[in-house]
């Protein structure tokens, strides 16, 4: 039986995971800007909705934006309504939903393994210390928010499996808000685990023996031969009605569709035919059948797993724990996590469009399974992950001292040496703590968070100038305020709209459109992009800065025409 102390430790580990998340959020907020093109695009979409007072149809640079639903944009605007328009609130949204995800993961562990009170706290620590989860927990993107709704849905699946009809309602709500967050992809994240309930539910709680979920009255209190009785009641075998189960899932999907359609129908009418077609079919079909971007081979995710799951993937203790769990036999909770994780990973591998962050909603399942495997284990030594973290620290020190030529050519300013030195000290201290018997889960969670924190501290001075486009956005705002028009001579992702608080769209000109527009607008301005940042030194510009490995210059139309003509030559 679990002791009260183990339960308290579970809560303490949850609090520690939330503290680590708060550290990540604070460092991210103070050391890096919005990163183009994704973060700047999404906050700009919310800004244009705010300017228009239109909370139904998202807009990007004056045109309806169909690539993403509006839930995250609504949350951004809700914060602006409370605190005024600011840059910090949208960057706190993902950390807040990540915190909710840690709590829901902790609660899910208590439901899956009620006899192991320490699993939930371990799962929260494993999750917050995993590289991919911690990176996107501080990004103004959709994936951690989607993971939150997936976790809500998994609680609904367990409730429904326990015979509570409200569980199907919870699944429907999770589906609806998941669709409003990132589209129908939540069906792929959520439904396989529900559909595989006959497999994982068979693990209750001792495989091969009858399980009982109710008590049925008997005529008297005398023991019937072969039938155990309890004060005139006898246990009733759990006979799951699978027709009702799958029917309930269908109804949950319909409820989710109703929630999403409550927005999509009026938005489709307001946004026009092209927008309506895009939100109801085009975007999802393109991504799932023949993705227009991020086309990757079938095996693309596999070599990234050690990085995405750092430091846990490279910890031998976890693999020994998994081996012991497999030999002992998978219980219901372990099967549930596998049914949640593996089918979705395989499905995403077959989808042509792949990005690492698409897997973020699977990471709570990994954390739960890893925490269950480590329950009752005493693995403490973390030599391999500590050595790798120390190696990263050495690399940062060498990069900061100018010893790595490739880094010197790629950054605006060499990174400081001290974050790398700090990471070496932390890795050494935690490795020593592991040898002294400090639990590996706690030390590895701290190691994973420390590695990311030190990396961000090192990058803030060297890499961030390549991505901080607030100066350019401000210069564009000044030109627009003077009554001039500004054009963008490449694909425009609205990266300047929010950061410059622009109230007018930029004119998007590309290819054959560029020369005629520049000739027709000699007194206006254009943003031109140069491949080599050194080239901007000779350019007479209203404003110029390094930008994503190249340079961006704000010049008058005549200068822009000359620059582009030389570039074509």
Foldseek 3Di string as FASTA:
>chain_A
DDDPVLLVLLVVLLVVLLVLLVVLQVLPLPQFAAFPDPQLLLQLQLLLCVLVVNQQFTDGLRATDQQAFCPLSVQQVVVCVVPNDDRSRLQCPLLVLLSLLLVLLLVVLCLQCVPRSNLSSLLSLLQCLFQQNVVCSRHSAQLSVLLSLLSQLVVLLSCVVLVHLCSLVSNLQSLQVSCNRRRNCSCLLHVLLLVCCVPLVCQPDPHPDFDFNDWAFAPAQDDDPPFDADRRIGTDTDDDDVVVSVVSNVVSNVSSVVSNCVSLVVSLVVNDDVSNCSNVDVNVCCQQPPPPDQFDALCVCVVCVVVRRPPVVVFVVLVVLVVVCVVVPDGSLLVSLCSSAVSSSNSQSPGRHDDVSVNSSSSSSVSSNSSVSCRPPQQQARVRRLVVQLVVLVVLQCQQVVNDVVSVLQWPHGFHNVLSVVSNVLSVVSNVVSVVRDGNSNSSSVNSSSSVSSVSNRCSVIHNQQGPCLVVLLLQQVQVVVVAAEAEADDDSSSSCSSNVDPHRHHYHYDPRLVVVLVVRQAHKYKDWAQDQVVCVPQDASDKGRHDNTIIGIHGSVSVVVVVVVVVD
